[in-house]
Amino acid sequence: MDTRRCYPATSLGLLILRLGMGGMLATHGWGKVQMLLHDQSAAFGSHLGMSPMMSLSLVAFAEFVCAILVMAGLATRLAAIPIVINMAVAISTAHSKDPWSSEAAYKLFLAGTTKYPSSKEPALMYLVPFLALVFTGAGAISLDAMFLCRRKKAPDKAE
């Protein structure tokens, strides 16, 4: 059964999710792209034993390029995987010592205990919806669906 035809609201919901989360992450990733273009990788730091330039390049790819692909619904499941990995690494490395919630982070910041109100929460807020897209795909309102329909309609050349 083709659930795209039975549940059009599901595809609309996936479109809203893709555009909303992808758009927010792409604007977040644009700053990383700017850091790359202005050779500011040293300010980014290194993660998982990689050079700062390699770390920044991978993060910029995930947060900007893959987010744009998810918004378009093009190779959605594949594009969401680097984002999920990126957010998992952010949680476990860059934010490993940070509290889980933004509320706890702001309490520490206001008490003067930390320099910035950093927490794991923003990375988790990106990780969860993109992980869902890994499993659901883009839905019917996407380039993935358009290409799949064209492929199904194309006559077999073997005949």
N, C-alpha and C. Protein backbone atom coordinates (compact mmCIF):
# COMPACT_ATOMS: atom_id res chain seq x y z
N MET A 1 0.85 -1.19 0.00
CA MET A 1 0.00 0.00 0.00
C MET A 1 0.89 1.25 0.00
N ASP A 2 0.59 2.18 -0.86
CA ASP A 2 1.33 3.43 -0.94
C ASP A 2 0.75 4.41 0.07
N THR A 3 1.46 4.58 1.19
CA THR A 3 0.94 5.45 2.25
C THR A 3 0.94 6.92 1.86
N ARG A 4 1.73 7.29 0.84
CA ARG A 4 1.73 8.69 0.41
C ARG A 4 0.36 9.11 -0.12
N ARG A 5 -0.34 8.19 -0.77
CA ARG A 5 -1.67 8.51 -1.30
C ARG A 5 -2.73 8.45 -0.22
N CYS A 6 -2.54 7.56 0.75
CA CYS A 6 -3.53 7.39 1.81
C CYS A 6 -3.45 8.48 2.87
N TYR A 7 -2.25 9.01 3.09
CA TYR A 7 -2.04 9.98 4.16
C TYR A 7 -1.29 11.21 3.65
N PRO A 8 -1.95 12.05 2.83
CA PRO A 8 -1.24 13.22 2.29
C PRO A 8 -0.79 14.19 3.38
N ALA A 9 -1.48 14.22 4.52
CA ALA A 9 -1.07 15.10 5.61
C ALA A 9 0.29 14.70 6.15
N THR A 10 0.63 13.43 6.07
CA THR A 10 1.95 12.96 6.52
C THR A 10 3.04 13.59 5.67
N SER A 11 2.85 13.61 4.36
CA SER A 11 3.84 14.23 3.48
C SER A 11 3.93 15.73 3.71
N LEU A 12 2.81 16.37 3.97
CA LEU A 12 2.84 17.80 4.28
C LEU A 12 3.59 18.03 5.59
N GLY A 13 3.35 17.18 6.58
CA GLY A 13 4.07 17.28 7.85
C GLY A 13 5.57 17.08 7.67
N LEU A 14 5.95 16.11 6.84
CA LEU A 14 7.38 15.89 6.58
C LEU A 14 7.99 17.07 5.83
N LEU A 15 7.24 17.70 4.93
CA LEU A 15 7.72 18.89 4.23
C LEU A 15 7.98 20.02 5.23
N ILE A 16 7.03 20.24 6.13
CA ILE A 16 7.19 21.29 7.15
C ILE A 16 8.41 20.99 8.02
N LEU A 17 8.56 19.74 8.42
CA LEU A 17 9.70 19.33 9.23
C LEU A 17 11.01 19.57 8.49
N ARG A 18 11.07 19.15 7.22
CA ARG A 18 12.28 19.31 6.43
C ARG A 18 12.64 20.76 6.22
N LEU A 19 11.64 21.59 5.86
CA LEU A 19 11.92 23.00 5.61
C LEU A 19 12.29 23.74 6.89
N GLY A 20 11.58 23.45 7.96
CA GLY A 20 11.85 24.13 9.23
C GLY A 20 13.20 23.76 9.81
N MET A 21 13.42 22.47 10.01
CA MET A 21 14.67 22.04 10.63
C MET A 21 15.85 22.25 9.68
N GLY A 22 15.66 21.94 8.40
CA GLY A 22 16.73 22.14 7.43
C GLY A 22 17.11 23.60 7.29
N GLY A 23 16.10 24.47 7.27
CA GLY A 23 16.37 25.90 7.16
C GLY A 23 17.11 26.46 8.37
N MET A 24 16.68 26.04 9.56
CA MET A 24 17.37 26.51 10.76
C MET A 24 18.80 25.99 10.80
N LEU A 25 19.00 24.72 10.46
CA LEU A 25 20.35 24.16 10.51
C LEU A 25 21.23 24.77 9.42
N ALA A 26 20.68 25.04 8.25
CA ALA A 26 21.47 25.64 7.17
C ALA A 26 21.96 27.04 7.57
N THR A 27 21.12 27.81 8.24
CA THR A 27 21.59 29.13 8.70
C THR A 27 22.66 28.98 9.77
N HIS A 28 22.54 27.96 10.60
CA HIS A 28 23.56 27.65 11.61
C HIS A 28 24.85 27.23 10.91
N GLY A 29 24.73 26.41 9.87
CA GLY A 29 25.89 25.93 9.13
C GLY A 29 26.55 26.99 8.27
N TRP A 30 25.77 28.01 7.88
CA TRP A 30 26.34 29.08 7.05
C TRP A 30 27.50 29.77 7.77
N GLY A 31 27.40 29.91 9.07
CA GLY A 31 28.51 30.48 9.85
C GLY A 31 29.77 29.64 9.73
N LYS A 32 29.60 28.32 9.70
CA LYS A 32 30.74 27.41 9.54
C LYS A 32 31.33 27.55 8.13
N VAL A 33 30.48 27.71 7.13
CA VAL A 33 30.96 27.92 5.76
C VAL A 33 31.76 29.22 5.71
N GLN A 34 31.29 30.26 6.36
CA GLN A 34 32.02 31.53 6.39
C GLN A 34 33.37 31.37 7.07
N MET A 35 33.42 30.59 8.15
CA MET A 35 34.70 30.33 8.82
C MET A 35 35.67 29.64 7.85
N LEU A 36 35.16 28.69 7.07
CA LEU A 36 36.01 28.02 6.07
C LEU A 36 36.52 29.00 5.02
N LEU A 37 35.62 29.81 4.50
CA LEU A 37 35.98 30.76 3.44
C LEU A 37 36.99 31.80 3.91
N HIS A 38 36.98 32.11 5.20
CA HIS A 38 37.88 33.12 5.75
C HIS A 38 39.05 32.49 6.52
N ASP A 39 39.27 31.20 6.28
CA ASP A 39 40.39 30.47 6.88
C ASP A 39 40.47 30.66 8.40
N GLN A 40 39.34 30.44 9.06
CA GLN A 40 39.28 30.59 10.51
C GLN A 40 39.10 29.24 11.21
N SER A 41 39.63 28.18 10.62
CA SER A 41 39.44 26.85 11.19
C SER A 41 40.12 26.69 12.54
N ALA A 42 41.19 27.41 12.79
CA ALA A 42 41.90 27.29 14.07
C ALA A 42 40.99 27.67 15.23
N ALA A 43 40.05 28.59 15.00
CA ALA A 43 39.13 29.01 16.06
C ALA A 43 38.06 27.95 16.34
N PHE A 44 37.93 26.97 15.45
CA PHE A 44 36.90 25.95 15.60
C PHE A 44 37.31 24.84 16.55
N GLY A 45 38.56 24.47 16.53
CA GLY A 45 39.02 23.38 17.38
C GLY A 45 39.00 22.07 16.62
N SER A 46 39.59 21.06 17.24
CA SER A 46 39.64 19.74 16.59
C SER A 46 38.81 18.76 17.39
N HIS A 47 38.23 17.81 16.68
CA HIS A 47 37.38 16.80 17.30
C HIS A 47 37.75 15.43 16.75
N LEU A 48 37.68 14.43 17.59
CA LEU A 48 37.95 13.04 17.23
C LEU A 48 39.31 12.85 16.58
N GLY A 49 40.29 13.63 17.01
CA GLY A 49 41.65 13.50 16.51
C GLY A 49 41.88 14.08 15.12
N MET A 50 40.89 14.78 14.58
CA MET A 50 41.05 15.40 13.26
C MET A 50 41.61 16.82 13.41
N SER A 51 42.17 17.32 12.34
CA SER A 51 42.65 18.70 12.34
C SER A 51 41.45 19.63 12.43
N PRO A 52 41.66 20.87 12.92
CA PRO A 52 40.56 21.83 12.95
C PRO A 52 39.94 22.06 11.57
N MET A 53 40.75 22.07 10.52
CA MET A 53 40.24 22.28 9.16
C MET A 53 39.34 21.13 8.73
N MET A 54 39.74 19.90 9.02
CA MET A 54 38.93 18.73 8.66
C MET A 54 37.63 18.73 9.47
N SER A 55 37.72 19.01 10.76
CA SER A 55 36.52 19.05 11.62
C SER A 55 35.54 20.09 11.11
N LEU A 56 36.06 21.29 10.85
CA LEU A 56 35.20 22.37 10.38
C LEU A 56 34.59 22.04 9.01
N SER A 57 35.37 21.44 8.13
CA SER A 57 34.86 21.08 6.80
C SER A 57 33.72 20.08 6.89
N LEU A 58 33.88 19.06 7.73
CA LEU A 58 32.83 18.05 7.89
C LEU A 58 31.58 18.64 8.52
N VAL A 59 31.76 19.51 9.50
CA VAL A 59 30.60 20.14 10.15
C VAL A 59 29.89 21.07 9.17
N ALA A 60 30.65 21.84 8.40
CA ALA A 60 30.03 22.74 7.40
C ALA A 60 29.27 21.93 6.36
N PHE A 61 29.84 20.81 5.92
CA PHE A 61 29.15 19.94 4.97
C PHE A 61 27.84 19.43 5.55
N ALA A 62 27.89 18.92 6.77
CA ALA A 62 26.67 18.37 7.39
C ALA A 62 25.64 19.46 7.64
N GLU A 63 26.06 20.55 8.26
CA GLU A 63 25.11 21.57 8.70
C GLU A 63 24.61 22.47 7.57
N PHE A 64 25.36 22.59 6.50
CA PHE A 64 24.90 23.46 5.41
C PHE A 64 24.47 22.65 4.18
N VAL A 65 25.39 21.90 3.60
CA VAL A 65 25.08 21.18 2.37
C VAL A 65 24.00 20.13 2.60
N CYS A 66 24.18 19.30 3.63
CA CYS A 66 23.18 18.25 3.88
C CYS A 66 21.84 18.84 4.29
N ALA A 67 21.85 19.95 5.03
CA ALA A 67 20.60 20.59 5.41
C ALA A 67 19.85 21.10 4.18
N ILE A 68 20.57 21.64 3.20
CA ILE A 68 19.94 22.10 1.95
C ILE A 68 19.35 20.91 1.19
N LEU A 69 20.07 19.80 1.15
CA LEU A 69 19.55 18.59 0.49
C LEU A 69 18.28 18.09 1.17
N VAL A 70 18.27 18.11 2.50
CA VAL A 70 17.07 17.69 3.23
C VAL A 70 15.91 18.62 2.93
N MET A 71 16.16 19.92 2.89
CA MET A 71 15.08 20.87 2.57
C MET A 71 14.48 20.57 1.20
N ALA A 72 15.33 20.26 0.23
CA ALA A 72 14.86 19.96 -1.12
C ALA A 72 14.22 18.58 -1.21
N GLY A 73 14.49 17.76 -0.23
CA GLY A 73 13.99 16.39 -0.28
C GLY A 73 14.75 15.57 -1.29
N LEU A 74 16.05 15.84 -1.41
CA LEU A 74 16.90 15.15 -2.37
C LEU A 74 17.90 14.27 -1.61
N ALA A 75 17.83 12.97 -1.83
CA ALA A 75 18.67 12.01 -1.09
C ALA A 75 18.51 12.24 0.41
N THR A 76 17.28 12.43 0.83
CA THR A 76 16.97 12.85 2.19
C THR A 76 17.53 11.93 3.26
N ARG A 77 17.28 10.65 3.10
CA ARG A 77 17.76 9.70 4.12
C ARG A 77 19.27 9.73 4.21
N LEU A 78 19.94 9.74 3.09
CA LEU A 78 21.41 9.79 3.08
C LEU A 78 21.93 11.12 3.62
N ALA A 79 21.28 12.21 3.25
CA ALA A 79 21.72 13.53 3.70
C ALA A 79 21.51 13.73 5.20
N ALA A 80 20.51 13.08 5.75
CA ALA A 80 20.25 13.23 7.19
C ALA A 80 21.27 12.49 8.04
N ILE A 81 21.91 11.47 7.49
CA ILE A 81 22.87 10.67 8.28
C ILE A 81 24.07 11.51 8.75
N PRO A 82 24.75 12.29 7.88
CA PRO A 82 25.86 13.11 8.39
C PRO A 82 25.41 14.12 9.45
N ILE A 83 24.19 14.61 9.32
CA ILE A 83 23.67 15.55 10.32
C ILE A 83 23.53 14.86 11.66
N VAL A 84 22.96 13.66 11.66
CA VAL A 84 22.78 12.91 12.91
C VAL A 84 24.15 12.61 13.52
N ILE A 85 25.10 12.18 12.71
CA ILE A 85 26.44 11.90 13.22
C ILE A 85 27.07 13.16 13.78
N ASN A 86 26.93 14.26 13.04
CA ASN A 86 27.48 15.55 13.48
C ASN A 86 26.92 15.95 14.84
N MET A 87 25.62 15.81 15.02
CA MET A 87 25.01 16.20 16.29
C MET A 87 25.42 15.25 17.42
N ALA A 88 25.55 13.97 17.12
CA ALA A 88 26.00 13.01 18.14
C ALA A 88 27.43 13.33 18.58
N VAL A 89 28.27 13.69 17.62
CA VAL A 89 29.65 14.07 17.96
C VAL A 89 29.66 15.38 18.75
N ALA A 90 28.82 16.32 18.37
CA ALA A 90 28.75 17.59 19.11
C ALA A 90 28.36 17.34 20.57
N ILE A 91 27.40 16.46 20.77
CA ILE A 91 26.95 16.15 22.13
C ILE A 91 28.07 15.48 22.93
N SER A 92 28.78 14.57 22.29
CA SER A 92 29.77 13.77 23.02
C SER A 92 31.16 14.39 23.10
N THR A 93 31.46 15.39 22.27
CA THR A 93 32.79 16.00 22.32
C THR A 93 32.72 17.49 22.67
N ALA A 94 32.23 18.30 21.75
CA ALA A 94 32.22 19.75 21.96
C ALA A 94 31.40 20.16 23.18
N HIS A 95 30.32 19.43 23.44
CA HIS A 95 29.45 19.77 24.58
C HIS A 95 29.46 18.69 25.66
N SER A 96 30.52 17.90 25.70
CA SER A 96 30.56 16.78 26.64
C SER A 96 30.46 17.21 28.10
N LYS A 97 31.01 18.36 28.43
CA LYS A 97 30.98 18.83 29.82
C LYS A 97 29.81 19.77 30.10
N ASP A 98 29.05 20.08 29.07
CA ASP A 98 27.92 20.99 29.23
C ASP A 98 26.72 20.26 29.83
N PRO A 99 25.84 21.00 30.50
CA PRO A 99 24.62 20.36 31.02
C PRO A 99 23.69 19.97 29.87
N TRP A 100 22.72 19.11 30.17
CA TRP A 100 21.78 18.64 29.16
C TRP A 100 20.83 19.73 28.71
N SER A 101 20.34 20.57 29.62
CA SER A 101 19.31 21.54 29.26
C SER A 101 19.86 22.96 29.18
N SER A 102 19.20 23.76 28.36
CA SER A 102 19.56 25.18 28.25
C SER A 102 19.29 25.90 29.56
N GLU A 103 18.25 25.49 30.27
CA GLU A 103 17.94 26.10 31.56
C GLU A 103 19.11 25.94 32.53
N ALA A 104 19.65 24.74 32.63
CA ALA A 104 20.79 24.51 33.52
C ALA A 104 22.01 25.29 33.06
N ALA A 105 22.20 25.40 31.75
CA ALA A 105 23.33 26.14 31.20
C ALA A 105 23.22 27.62 31.56
N TYR A 106 22.03 28.19 31.46
CA TYR A 106 21.86 29.61 31.80
C TYR A 106 22.04 29.86 33.28
N LYS A 107 21.64 28.91 34.11
CA LYS A 107 21.87 29.06 35.56
C LYS A 107 23.36 29.12 35.86
N LEU A 108 24.14 28.24 35.23
CA LEU A 108 25.58 28.26 35.42
C LEU A 108 26.20 29.55 34.89
N PHE A 109 25.72 29.99 33.74
CA PHE A 109 26.22 31.21 33.13
C PHE A 109 25.92 32.43 34.00
N LEU A 110 24.69 32.53 34.49
CA LEU A 110 24.32 33.68 35.33
C LEU A 110 25.03 33.66 36.68
N ALA A 111 25.38 32.48 37.14
CA ALA A 111 26.12 32.37 38.40
C ALA A 111 27.61 32.68 38.20
N GLY A 112 28.03 32.85 36.94
CA GLY A 112 29.42 33.15 36.66
C GLY A 112 30.31 31.92 36.60
N THR A 113 29.70 30.75 36.62
CA THR A 113 30.46 29.49 36.60
C THR A 113 31.01 29.17 35.21
N THR A 114 30.28 29.57 34.16
CA THR A 114 30.72 29.31 32.79
C THR A 114 30.78 30.61 32.00
N LYS A 115 31.59 30.58 30.94
CA LYS A 115 31.76 31.76 30.08
C LYS A 115 30.60 31.93 29.10
N TYR A 116 30.01 30.79 28.69
CA TYR A 116 28.90 30.80 27.74
C TYR A 116 27.78 29.89 28.25
N PRO A 117 26.53 30.18 27.90
CA PRO A 117 25.43 29.29 28.33
C PRO A 117 25.25 28.11 27.36
N SER A 118 26.26 27.27 27.25
CA SER A 118 26.23 26.14 26.31
C SER A 118 25.64 24.89 26.96
N SER A 119 24.83 24.16 26.17
CA SER A 119 24.25 22.91 26.64
C SER A 119 24.18 21.91 25.48
N LYS A 120 23.82 20.69 25.82
CA LYS A 120 23.62 19.65 24.81
C LYS A 120 22.28 19.79 24.10
N GLU A 121 21.39 20.56 24.67
CA GLU A 121 20.01 20.64 24.18
C GLU A 121 19.88 21.03 22.71
N PRO A 122 20.56 22.08 22.23
CA PRO A 122 20.39 22.42 20.80
C PRO A 122 20.79 21.28 19.86
N ALA A 123 21.89 20.60 20.17
CA ALA A 123 22.31 19.48 19.32
C ALA A 123 21.28 18.35 19.37
N LEU A 124 20.72 18.10 20.54
CA LEU A 124 19.67 17.08 20.66
C LEU A 124 18.42 17.48 19.88
N MET A 125 18.12 18.78 19.89
CA MET A 125 16.92 19.26 19.19
C MET A 125 17.06 19.12 17.68
N TYR A 126 18.30 19.10 17.17
CA TYR A 126 18.52 18.82 15.75
C TYR A 126 18.61 17.32 15.51
N LEU A 127 19.28 16.61 16.38
CA LEU A 127 19.49 15.18 16.19
C LEU A 127 18.18 14.42 16.04
N VAL A 128 17.21 14.67 16.90
CA VAL A 128 15.98 13.88 16.93
C VAL A 128 15.18 13.98 15.62
N PRO A 129 14.86 15.18 15.10
CA PRO A 129 14.08 15.22 13.86
C PRO A 129 14.83 14.67 12.65
N PHE A 130 16.15 14.90 12.59
CA PHE A 130 16.90 14.38 11.45
C PHE A 130 17.02 12.86 11.54
N LEU A 131 17.09 12.33 12.73
CA LEU A 131 17.08 10.88 12.90
C LEU A 131 15.74 10.31 12.42
N ALA A 132 14.66 11.00 12.74
CA ALA A 132 13.34 10.57 12.26
C ALA A 132 13.31 10.56 10.74
N LEU A 133 13.92 11.56 10.09
CA LEU A 133 13.94 11.62 8.63
C LEU A 133 14.77 10.49 8.02
N VAL A 134 15.78 10.02 8.74
CA VAL A 134 16.55 8.87 8.26
C VAL A 134 15.60 7.68 8.07
N PHE A 135 14.65 7.53 8.98
CA PHE A 135 13.73 6.38 8.92
C PHE A 135 12.51 6.64 8.04
N THR A 136 12.00 7.87 8.02
CA THR A 136 10.77 8.14 7.26
C THR A 136 11.02 8.50 5.81
N GLY A 137 12.14 9.12 5.53
CA GLY A 137 12.36 9.68 4.21
C GLY A 137 11.66 11.02 4.10
N ALA A 138 11.63 11.56 2.90
CA ALA A 138 11.16 12.92 2.68
C ALA A 138 9.65 13.06 2.54
N GLY A 139 8.97 12.00 2.18
CA GLY A 139 7.53 12.10 1.90
C GLY A 139 7.28 12.37 0.43
N ALA A 140 6.03 12.52 0.09
CA ALA A 140 5.63 12.65 -1.32
C ALA A 140 5.94 14.02 -1.91
N ILE A 141 6.08 15.04 -1.08
CA ILE A 141 6.36 16.39 -1.58
C ILE A 141 7.86 16.61 -1.50
N SER A 142 8.58 15.99 -2.44
CA SER A 142 10.04 16.04 -2.40
C SER A 142 10.61 15.69 -3.77
N LEU A 143 11.87 16.04 -3.96
CA LEU A 143 12.55 15.63 -5.18
C LEU A 143 12.76 14.11 -5.19
N ASP A 144 12.98 13.53 -4.02
CA ASP A 144 13.09 12.07 -3.95
C ASP A 144 11.86 11.40 -4.57
N ALA A 145 10.69 11.83 -4.18
CA ALA A 145 9.44 11.24 -4.68
C ALA A 145 9.27 11.52 -6.17
N MET A 146 9.63 12.72 -6.60
CA MET A 146 9.50 13.07 -8.01
C MET A 146 10.38 12.16 -8.87
N PHE A 147 11.63 11.95 -8.45
CA PHE A 147 12.53 11.09 -9.21
C PHE A 147 12.09 9.64 -9.15
N LEU A 148 11.57 9.20 -8.01
CA LEU A 148 11.09 7.83 -7.87
C LEU A 148 9.90 7.59 -8.80
N CYS A 149 8.99 8.55 -8.87
CA CYS A 149 7.83 8.41 -9.75
C CYS A 149 8.25 8.36 -11.21
N ARG A 150 9.21 9.19 -11.59
CA ARG A 150 9.70 9.18 -12.97
C ARG A 150 10.35 7.85 -13.31
N ARG A 151 11.09 7.31 -12.34
CA ARG A 151 11.75 6.04 -12.57
C ARG A 151 10.75 4.91 -12.74
N LYS A 152 9.67 4.96 -11.97
CA LYS A 152 8.65 3.94 -12.06
C LYS A 152 7.88 4.04 -13.37
N LYS A 153 7.69 5.27 -13.89
CA LYS A 153 6.92 5.48 -15.11
C LYS A 153 7.75 5.21 -16.36
N ALA A 154 9.09 5.27 -16.26
CA ALA A 154 9.94 5.09 -17.43
C ALA A 154 9.81 3.65 -17.93
N PRO A 155 9.66 3.50 -19.25
CA PRO A 155 9.56 2.14 -19.80
C PRO A 155 10.88 1.41 -19.67
N ASP A 156 10.80 0.10 -19.53
CA ASP A 156 11.99 -0.73 -19.41
C ASP A 156 12.67 -0.79 -20.78
N LYS A 157 13.95 -0.49 -20.82
CA LYS A 157 14.69 -0.52 -22.08
C LYS A 157 15.01 -1.94 -22.51
N ALA A 158 14.89 -2.89 -21.59
CA ALA A 158 15.18 -4.28 -21.90
C ALA A 158 14.10 -4.92 -22.78
N GLU A 159 12.93 -4.32 -22.83
CA GLU A 159 11.82 -4.90 -23.60
C GLU A 159 11.98 -4.69 -25.08
